[in-house]
PDB file of N, CA and C in Angstrom:
ATOM      1  N   MET A   1      99.567 123.159 104.816  1.00  0.00           N
ATOM      2  CA  MET A   1     100.304 121.786 104.323  1.00  0.00           C
ATOM      3  C   MET A   1      99.344 121.660 102.930  1.00  0.00           C
ATOM      4  N   GLU A   2      99.882 121.398 101.770  1.00  0.00           N
ATOM      5  CA  GLU A   2      99.231 120.917 100.557  1.00  0.00           C
ATOM      6  C   GLU A   2      99.216 119.406 100.711  1.00  0.00           C
ATOM      7  N   PHE A   3      97.858 118.970 100.451  1.00  0.00           N
ATOM      8  CA  PHE A   3      98.248 117.605 100.498  1.00  0.00           C
ATOM      9  C   PHE A   3      97.309 116.980  99.315  1.00  0.00           C
ATOM     10  N   SER A   4      98.043 115.690  98.501  1.00  0.00           N
ATOM     11  CA  SER A   4      96.858 115.423  97.393  1.00  0.00           C
ATOM     12  C   SER A   4      95.243 113.934  97.471  1.00  0.00           C
ATOM     13  N   VAL A   5      95.835 112.887  98.364  1.00  0.00           N
ATOM     14  CA  VAL A   5      95.331 112.253  98.615  1.00  0.00           C
ATOM     15  C   VAL A   5      94.814 112.070 100.381  1.00  0.00           C
ATOM     16  N   ILE A   6      93.507 111.828 100.566  1.00  0.00           N
ATOM     17  CA  ILE A   6      93.352 111.648 102.152  1.00  0.00           C
ATOM     18  C   ILE A   6      92.423 110.357 101.818  1.00  0.00           C
ATOM     19  N   ILE A   7      93.103 109.097 103.249  1.00  0.00           N
ATOM     20  CA  ILE A   7      92.023 107.686 103.075  1.00  0.00           C
ATOM     21  C   ILE A   7      91.286 107.376 104.219  1.00  0.00           C
ATOM     22  N   LEU A   8      90.773 107.692 104.185  1.00  0.00           N
ATOM     23  CA  LEU A   8      89.427 107.631 105.406  1.00  0.00           C
ATOM     24  C   LEU A   8      89.425 106.575 105.978  1.00  0.00           C
ATOM     25  N   SER A   9      89.590 105.591 107.245  1.00  0.00           N
ATOM     26  CA  SER A   9      89.559 104.274 107.245  1.00  0.00           C
ATOM     27  C   SER A   9      89.216 104.130 108.762  1.00  0.00           C
ATOM     28  N   LYS A  10      88.619 102.618 109.045  1.00  0.00           N
ATOM     29  CA  LYS A  10      88.551 102.661 110.337  1.00  0.00           C
ATOM     30  C   LYS A  10      89.601 103.309 111.221  1.00  0.00           C
ATOM     31  N   ALA A  11      90.606 102.518 111.215  1.00  0.00           N
ATOM     32  CA  ALA A  11      92.063 102.911 111.939  1.00  0.00           C
ATOM     33  C   ALA A  11      92.093 104.467 111.814  1.00  0.00           C
ATOM     34  N   GLY A  12      91.959 105.250 111.408  1.00  0.00           N
ATOM     35  CA  GLY A  12      92.246 106.857 111.328  1.00  0.00           C
ATOM     36  C   GLY A  12      92.188 107.556 110.094  1.00  0.00           C
ATOM     37  N   ASP A  13      92.647 108.519 109.823  1.00  0.00           N
ATOM     38  CA  ASP A  13      92.299 109.474 108.359  1.00  0.00           C
ATOM     39  C   ASP A  13      93.835 109.767 108.141  1.00  0.00           C
ATOM     40  N   PHE A  14      94.268 109.265 107.267  1.00  0.00           N
ATOM     41  CA  PHE A  14      95.811 109.950 106.975  1.00  0.00           C
ATOM     42  C   PHE A  14      95.627 110.547 105.691  1.00  0.00           C
ATOM     43  N   MET A  15      96.786 110.826 104.897  1.00  0.00           N
ATOM     44  CA  MET A  15      96.494 112.419 104.057  1.00  0.00           C
ATOM     45  C   MET A  15      98.202 111.954 103.760  1.00  0.00           C
ATOM     46  N   VAL A  16      98.262 111.815 102.145  1.00  0.00           N
ATOM     47  CA  VAL A  16      99.931 112.110 102.064  1.00  0.00           C
ATOM     48  C   VAL A  16      99.708 113.144 100.731  1.00  0.00           C
ATOM     49  N   GLU A  17     101.360 113.820 100.405  1.00  0.00           N
ATOM     50  CA  GLU A  17     101.385 114.665  99.789  1.00  0.00           C
ATOM     51  C   GLU A  17     101.374 114.771  98.343  1.00  0.00           C
ATOM     52  N   GLU A  18     101.829 113.477  98.024  1.00  0.00           N
ATOM     53  CA  GLU A  18     101.453 113.120  96.170  1.00  0.00           C
ATOM     54  C   GLU A  18     100.698 112.073  96.403  1.00  0.00           C
ATOM     55  N   GLN A  19     100.230 111.919  95.309  1.00  0.00           N
ATOM     56  CA  GLN A  19      99.241 110.354  94.917  1.00  0.00           C
ATOM     57  C   GLN A  19     100.180 109.603  94.709  1.00  0.00           C
ATOM     58  N   THR A  20     100.893 109.765  94.047  1.00  0.00           N
ATOM     59  CA  THR A  20     102.374 108.910  93.960  1.00  0.00           C
ATOM     60  C   THR A  20     102.555 107.869  95.104  1.00  0.00           C
ATOM     61  N   HIS A  21     102.435 108.701  95.995  1.00  0.00           N
ATOM     62  CA  HIS A  21     102.544 108.380  97.261  1.00  0.00           C
ATOM     63  C   HIS A  21     101.974 106.979  97.903  1.00  0.00           C
ATOM     64  N   VAL A  22     100.604 106.843  97.247  1.00  0.00           N
ATOM     65  CA  VAL A  22      99.635 105.865  97.564  1.00  0.00           C
ATOM     66  C   VAL A  22     100.172 104.678  96.150  1.00  0.00           C
ATOM     67  N   GLU A  23     100.025 103.340  97.237  1.00  0.00           N
ATOM     68  CA  GLU A  23     100.063 102.165  95.818  1.00  0.00           C
ATOM     69  C   GLU A  23      99.300 101.146  96.622  1.00  0.00           C
ATOM     70  N   ARG A  24      98.383 100.987  95.734  1.00  0.00           N
ATOM     71  CA  ARG A  24      97.118  99.494  95.901  1.00  0.00           C
ATOM     72  C   ARG A  24      98.206  98.775  95.845  1.00  0.00           C
ATOM     73  N   THR A  25      97.689  97.570  96.826  1.00  0.00           N
ATOM     74  CA  THR A  25      98.197  96.018  96.501  1.00  0.00           C
ATOM     75  C   THR A  25      97.166  94.776  96.816  1.00  0.00           C
ATOM     76  N   ASP A  26      97.367  93.681  96.351  1.00  0.00           N
ATOM     77  CA  ASP A  26      95.975  92.705  96.390  1.00  0.00           C
ATOM     78  C   ASP A  26      95.184  92.815  97.514  1.00  0.00           C
ATOM     79  N   ASN A  27      95.943  92.909  98.874  1.00  0.00           N
ATOM     80  CA  ASN A  27      94.710  93.171 100.166  1.00  0.00           C
ATOM     81  C   ASN A  27      94.800  94.682 100.517  1.00  0.00           C
ATOM     82  N   GLY A  28      95.139  95.492 100.065  1.00  0.00           N
ATOM     83  CA  GLY A  28      95.084  96.798 101.033  1.00  0.00           C
ATOM     84  C   GLY A  28      95.598  97.821  99.474  1.00  0.00           C
ATOM     85  N   VAL A  29      95.793  98.602 100.917  1.00  0.00           N
ATOM     86  CA  VAL A  29      96.537 100.142 100.422  1.00  0.00           C
ATOM     87  C   VAL A  29      98.131 100.614 101.401  1.00  0.00           C
ATOM     88  N   LYS A  30      98.756 100.809 100.737  1.00  0.00           N
ATOM     89  CA  LYS A  30     100.316 101.588 101.014  1.00  0.00           C
ATOM     90  C   LYS A  30     100.328 102.972 101.016  1.00  0.00           C
ATOM     91  N   ALA A  31     100.377 103.627 102.279  1.00  0.00           N
ATOM     92  CA  ALA A  31     100.693 104.996 102.100  1.00  0.00           C
ATOM     93  C   ALA A  31     102.307 105.589 102.247  1.00  0.00           C
ATOM     94  N   SER A  32     102.899 106.041 101.765  1.00  0.00           N
ATOM     95  CA  SER A  32     104.655 106.346 102.263  1.00  0.00           C
ATOM     96  C   SER A  32     104.247 108.053 102.506  1.00  0.00           C
ATOM     97  N   GLN A  33     105.291 107.941 103.332  1.00  0.00           N
ATOM     98  CA  GLN A  33     105.799 109.185 103.791  1.00  0.00           C
ATOM     99  C   GLN A  33     103.944 109.728 104.675  1.00  0.00           C
ATOM    100  N   PRO A  34     103.510 109.268 104.985  1.00  0.00           N
ATOM    101  CA  PRO A  34     102.172 109.538 105.969  1.00  0.00           C
ATOM    102  C   PRO A  34     101.739 110.522 107.055  1.00  0.00           C
ATOM    103  N   PHE A  35     101.001 111.363 106.623  1.00  0.00           N
ATOM    104  CA  PHE A  35     100.225 111.850 107.788  1.00  0.00           C
ATOM    105  C   PHE A  35      99.297 111.376 108.323  1.00  0.00           C
ATOM    106  N   ILE A  36      98.739 111.350 109.801  1.00  0.00           N
ATOM    107  CA  ILE A  36      97.142 110.988 110.123  1.00  0.00           C
ATOM    108  C   ILE A  36      96.705 112.634 110.832  1.00  0.00           C
ATOM    109  N   ILE A  37      95.095 112.314 110.912  1.00  0.00           N
ATOM    110  CA  ILE A  37      94.481 113.452 111.669  1.00  0.00           C
ATOM    111  C   ILE A  37      94.396 112.846 112.987  1.00  0.00           C
ATOM    112  N   ASN A  38      94.785 114.446 113.782  1.00  0.00           N
ATOM    113  CA  ASN A  38      94.255 113.848 114.907  1.00  0.00           C
ATOM    114  C   ASN A  38      93.385 114.573 115.493  1.00  0.00           C
ATOM    115  N   GLU A  39      93.438 114.782 117.250  1.00  0.00           N
ATOM    116  CA  GLU A  39      91.927 114.831 117.838  1.00  0.00           C
ATOM    117  C   GLU A  39      91.617 115.913 117.544  1.00  0.00           C
ATOM    118  N   ASP A  40      93.035 117.094 117.576  1.00  0.00           N
ATOM    119  CA  ASP A  40      92.678 118.455 117.265  1.00  0.00           C
ATOM    120  C   ASP A  40      92.557 118.643 115.708  1.00  0.00           C
ATOM    121  N   GLU A  41      92.270 118.167 114.681  1.00  0.00           N
ATOM    122  CA  GLU A  41      91.974 117.892 113.140  1.00  0.00           C
ATOM    123  C   GLU A  41      93.488 118.747 112.522  1.00  0.00           C
ATOM    124  N   GLN A  42      94.379 118.313 113.103  1.00  0.00           N
ATOM    125  CA  GLN A  42      95.607 118.543 112.572  1.00  0.00           C
ATOM    126  C   GLN A  42      96.362 117.876 112.183  1.00  0.00           C
ATOM    127  N   ALA A  43      97.049 117.599 110.961  1.00  0.00           N
ATOM    128  CA  ALA A  43      97.859 116.567 110.486  1.00  0.00           C
ATOM    129  C   ALA A  43      98.972 116.624 110.891  1.00  0.00           C
ATOM    130  N   GLN A  44      99.366 114.876 111.383  1.00  0.00           N
ATOM    131  CA  GLN A  44     100.180 115.081 112.081  1.00  0.00           C
ATOM    132  C   GLN A  44     101.331 113.951 111.739  1.00  0.00           C
ATOM    133  N   GLU A  45     102.638 113.930 111.572  1.00  0.00           N
ATOM    134  CA  GLU A  45     103.394 113.036 110.867  1.00  0.00           C
ATOM    135  C   GLU A  45     103.645 111.725 111.373  1.00  0.00           C
ATOM    136  N   ILE A  46     103.529 110.668 110.983  1.00  0.00           N
ATOM    137  CA  ILE A  46     103.540 109.254 111.391  1.00  0.00           C
ATOM    138  C   ILE A  46     104.963 109.099 111.184  1.00  0.00           C
ATOM    139  N   GLN A  47     105.771 108.501 112.200  1.00  0.00           N
ATOM    140  CA  GLN A  47     107.381 108.226 112.496  1.00  0.00           C
ATOM    141  C   GLN A  47     107.219 106.838 111.658  1.00  0.00           C
ATOM    142  N   ALA A  48     106.948 107.006 110.667  1.00  0.00           N
ATOM    143  CA  ALA A  48     107.068 105.205 109.527  1.00  0.00           C
ATOM    144  C   ALA A  48     107.366 105.762 108.110  1.00  0.00           C
ATOM    145  N   GLU A  49     107.887 104.930 106.919  1.00  0.00           N
ATOM    146  CA  GLU A  49     108.005 105.364 106.586  1.00  0.00           C
ATOM    147  C   GLU A  49     106.657 105.120 105.466  1.00  0.00           C
ATOM    148  N   LYS A  50     106.092 103.971 105.497  1.00  0.00           N
ATOM    149  CA  LYS A  50     104.971 103.431 105.092  1.00  0.00           C
ATOM    150  C   LYS A  50     104.004 103.145 105.930  1.00  0.00           C
ATOM    151  N   VAL A  51     102.457 103.223 105.897  1.00  0.00           N
ATOM    152  CA  VAL A  51     101.623 102.137 106.343  1.00  0.00           C
ATOM    153  C   VAL A  51     100.739 101.625 105.794  1.00  0.00           C
ATOM    154  N   PHE A  52     100.310 100.625 105.977  1.00  0.00           N
ATOM    155  CA  PHE A  52      99.211  99.223 105.330  1.00  0.00           C
ATOM    156  C   PHE A  52      98.171  99.250 105.849  1.00  0.00           C
ATOM    157  N   ILE A  53      97.170  99.178 105.003  1.00  0.00           N
ATOM    158  CA  ILE A  53      95.488  99.766 105.521  1.00  0.00           C
ATOM    159  C   ILE A  53      94.740  98.533 104.715  1.00  0.00           C
ATOM    160  N   PRO A  54      94.562  97.988 104.896  1.00  0.00           N
ATOM    161  CA  PRO A  54      93.515  96.575 104.533  1.00  0.00           C
ATOM    162  C   PRO A  54      92.792  96.703 103.671  1.00  0.00           C
ATOM    163  N   TYR A  55      92.231  96.206 103.003  1.00  0.00           N
ATOM    164  CA  TYR A  55      90.641  97.230 102.335  1.00  0.00           C
ATOM    165  C   TYR A  55      89.852  96.741 103.162  1.00  0.00           C
ATOM    166  N   GLU A  56      89.547  96.316 103.894  1.00  0.00           N
ATOM    167  CA  GLU A  56      88.701  96.025 105.005  1.00  0.00           C
ATOM    168  C   GLU A  56      88.410  97.194 105.944  1.00  0.00           C
ATOM    169  N   ALA A  57      89.436  97.792 105.886  1.00  0.00           N
ATOM    170  CA  ALA A  57      89.660  98.827 107.216  1.00  0.00           C
ATOM    171  C   ALA A  57      88.968 100.214 106.151  1.00  0.00           C
ATOM    172  N   VAL A  58      89.125 100.190 104.772  1.00  0.00           N
ATOM    173  CA  VAL A  58      89.229 101.155 104.099  1.00  0.00           C
ATOM    174  C   VAL A  58      87.474 101.886 103.835  1.00  0.00           C
ATOM    175  N   GLU A  59      87.459 103.188 104.349  1.00  0.00           N
ATOM    176  CA  GLU A  59      86.313 103.564 104.268  1.00  0.00           C
ATOM    177  C   GLU A  59      86.471 104.462 102.670  1.00  0.00           C
ATOM    178  N   ASN A  60      87.207 104.760 102.192  1.00  0.00           N
ATOM    179  CA  ASN A  60      87.165 106.065 101.359  1.00  0.00           C
ATOM    180  C   ASN A  60      88.289 106.252 100.699  1.00  0.00           C
ATOM    181  N   ILE A  61      88.491 106.871  99.900  1.00  0.00           N
ATOM    182  CA  ILE A  61      89.984 107.412  99.241  1.00  0.00           C
ATOM    183  C   ILE A  61      89.642 108.327  98.602  1.00  0.00           C
ATOM    184  N   GLN A  62      90.027 109.843  98.782  1.00  0.00           N
ATOM    185  CA  GLN A  62      89.754 111.048  97.786  1.00  0.00           C
ATOM    186  C   GLN A  62      90.899 111.509  97.410  1.00  0.00           C
ATOM    187  N   TYR A  63      90.815 112.122  96.031  1.00  0.00           N
ATOM    188  CA  TYR A  63      92.268 112.557  95.781  1.00  0.00           C
ATOM    189  C   TYR A  63      91.325 114.210  95.026  1.00  0.00           C
ATOM    190  N   GLY A  64      92.583 115.229  95.200  1.00  0.00           N
ATOM    191  CA  GLY A  64      92.347 116.352  94.524  1.00  0.00           C
ATOM    192  C   GLY A  64      93.547 117.181  95.625  1.00  0.00           C
ATOM    193  N   THR A  65      92.661 118.714  95.811  1.00  0.00           N
ATOM    194  CA  THR A  65      94.314 119.507  96.378  1.00  0.00           C
ATOM    195  C   THR A  65      93.508 120.023  97.952  1.00  0.00           C
ATOM    196  N   PHE A  66      93.641 119.243  99.381  1.00  0.00           N
ATOM    197  CA  PHE A  66      93.514 119.357 100.536  1.00  0.00           C
ATOM    198  C   PHE A  66      94.298 120.176 101.116  1.00  0.00           C
ATOM    199  N   ASP A  67      94.416 121.352 101.911  1.00  0.00           N
ATOM    200  CA  ASP A  67      95.237 122.083 102.934  1.00  0.00           C
ATOM    201  C   ASP A  67      94.314 121.906 103.883  1.00  0.00           C
ATOM    202  N   HIS A  68      95.427 121.413 104.629  1.00  0.00           N
ATOM    203  CA  HIS A  68      95.549 120.970 106.350  1.00  0.00           C
ATOM    204  C   HIS A  68      96.390 121.812 107.437  1.00  0.00           C
ATOM    205  N   GLU A  69      96.931 121.939 107.959  1.00  0.00           N
ATOM    206  CA  GLU A  69      97.363 122.794 109.301  1.00  0.00           C
ATOM    207  C   GLU A  69      98.136 121.184 109.773  1.00  0.00           C
ATOM    208  N   THR A  70      99.602 121.477 109.835  1.00  0.00           N
ATOM    209  CA  THR A  70     100.600 120.309 110.332  1.00  0.00           C
ATOM    210  C   THR A  70     100.835 121.181 112.051  1.00  0.00           C
ATOM    211  N   VAL A  71     101.236 119.380 112.510  1.00  0.00           N
ATOM    212  CA  VAL A  71     101.410 120.037 114.102  1.00  0.00           C
ATOM    213  C   VAL A  71     102.991 120.063 113.899  1.00  0.00           C
TER     214      VAL A  71
END
């Protein structure tokens, strides 16, 4: 599956398919339709419409084209 954003955080690494699925707020980042990288380095869909990651937990946000195997 192809993703366009990776959010590296202390809580885990999240991926979204479209850059429009990432929204920056005053306190952190909201990711819509997120996937999380599991222990086997595969992208696993989260059963949540959105996740919120506070800025103090965000380590890096990368934009580009990332091809990752999903579960």
